[in-house]
Amino acid sequence: MKITIDQQKCIGCGSCTAACPDLFEMGDDNKARLKERAEKKEEAEAQKCAQEAVDICPVQAIKVE
């Protein structure tokens, strides 16, 4: 699984960090970013949560492949 965040689209609403605090955090620029340890999370759990973040992002800035 690969998670990407389009920083140009991100408006910093925080919905992804609220839904998946183990995967996402807000950066100093008030935009979402992946936590460093996000790649080490259990695959099935992380994928389910990441998909939830994709679904709730109001500007579709998150992609999961």
Protein backbone atom coordinates (compact mmCIF):
# COMPACT_ATOMS: atom_id res chain seq x y z
CA MET A 1 0.00 0.00 0.00
CA LYS A 2 1.22 3.46 -0.89
CA ILE A 3 -0.43 6.56 0.57
CA THR A 4 0.16 9.96 -1.00
CA ILE A 5 -1.08 13.42 -0.06
CA ASP A 6 -1.28 16.14 -2.69
CA GLN A 7 0.05 19.14 -0.75
CA GLN A 8 -1.32 21.53 -3.39
CA LYS A 9 -4.87 20.30 -2.73
CA CYS A 10 -4.64 19.88 1.04
CA ILE A 11 -6.53 22.60 2.92
CA GLY A 12 -5.46 21.44 6.37
CA CYS A 13 -8.95 20.61 7.63
CA GLY A 14 -7.61 17.77 9.81
CA SER A 15 -10.25 15.19 8.92
CA CYS A 16 -7.59 12.61 8.05
CA THR A 17 -5.76 13.14 11.34
CA ALA A 18 -9.04 12.80 13.24
CA ALA A 19 -9.93 9.58 11.42
CA CYS A 20 -6.44 8.02 11.40
CA PRO A 21 -4.16 9.58 14.01
CA ASP A 22 -1.76 6.64 13.67
CA LEU A 23 -1.18 7.42 9.99
CA PHE A 24 -1.55 11.18 9.56
CA GLU A 25 -0.40 14.31 11.36
CA MET A 26 -0.48 18.02 10.68
CA GLY A 27 2.80 19.59 9.63
CA ASP A 28 4.21 22.97 10.58
CA ASP A 29 2.54 24.34 7.45
CA ASN A 30 -0.87 23.15 8.76
CA LYS A 31 -1.13 20.57 6.00
CA ALA A 32 -1.52 16.84 6.44
CA ARG A 33 1.44 14.52 6.15
CA LEU A 34 2.12 10.85 6.77
CA LYS A 35 3.70 9.90 10.03
CA GLU A 36 7.07 8.23 9.62
CA ARG A 37 5.89 5.05 11.27
CA ALA A 38 2.72 4.88 9.13
CA GLU A 39 4.36 2.38 6.78
CA LYS A 40 4.98 0.01 9.70
CA LYS A 41 1.32 -0.28 10.72
CA GLU A 42 -0.50 -3.56 10.19
CA GLU A 43 -1.43 -3.61 6.51
CA ALA A 44 -5.14 -4.47 6.77
CA GLU A 45 -5.78 -2.04 9.61
CA ALA A 46 -3.83 0.76 7.95
CA GLN A 47 -5.48 0.21 4.58
CA LYS A 48 -8.97 0.36 6.07
CA CYS A 49 -8.16 3.56 7.95
CA ALA A 50 -6.39 5.12 4.97
CA GLN A 51 -9.43 4.42 2.78
CA GLU A 52 -11.62 6.14 5.36
CA ALA A 53 -9.34 9.18 5.15
CA VAL A 54 -9.63 9.14 1.35
CA ASP A 55 -13.42 9.03 1.63
CA ILE A 56 -13.71 11.92 4.09
CA CYS A 57 -11.11 14.27 2.60
CA PRO A 58 -13.18 17.20 1.30
CA VAL A 59 -10.70 18.03 -1.47
CA GLN A 60 -9.63 14.48 -2.47
CA ALA A 61 -6.00 15.19 -1.59
CA ILE A 62 -5.28 11.64 -0.36
CA LYS A 63 -4.67 8.68 -2.62
CA VAL A 64 -4.12 5.02 -1.69
CA GLU A 65 -2.56 2.60 -4.16
